[in-house]
């Protein structure tokens, strides 16, 4: 699959389980939009990509993983958490 399967790796699943998984969804389709993104050798004011993802909420953090790599991995007590703009668009369904 081009966008991955949106599943957690066994090692990461064990780590998150030890934190107490409150909610988990695998194989979600969607997109992620990056604004004012900077990385090694990359800068972008705006970019959007289609993804297949896992969404995990534990007792300690929020995680959104693409190809078993975190694109969002923020603890609830991290000041960056309050700057996230998370949205669910559309009616959903299968």
Foldseek 3Di string as FASTA:
>chain_A
DVQDQADADPVVVVVQVVQAWPDKDGFDKDKDKDAQDDDVVDGDRIDMDIHGWMWTDGPFWTFIDTNNHTPDTDGPPDPCVVVDDDDDDDDDDD
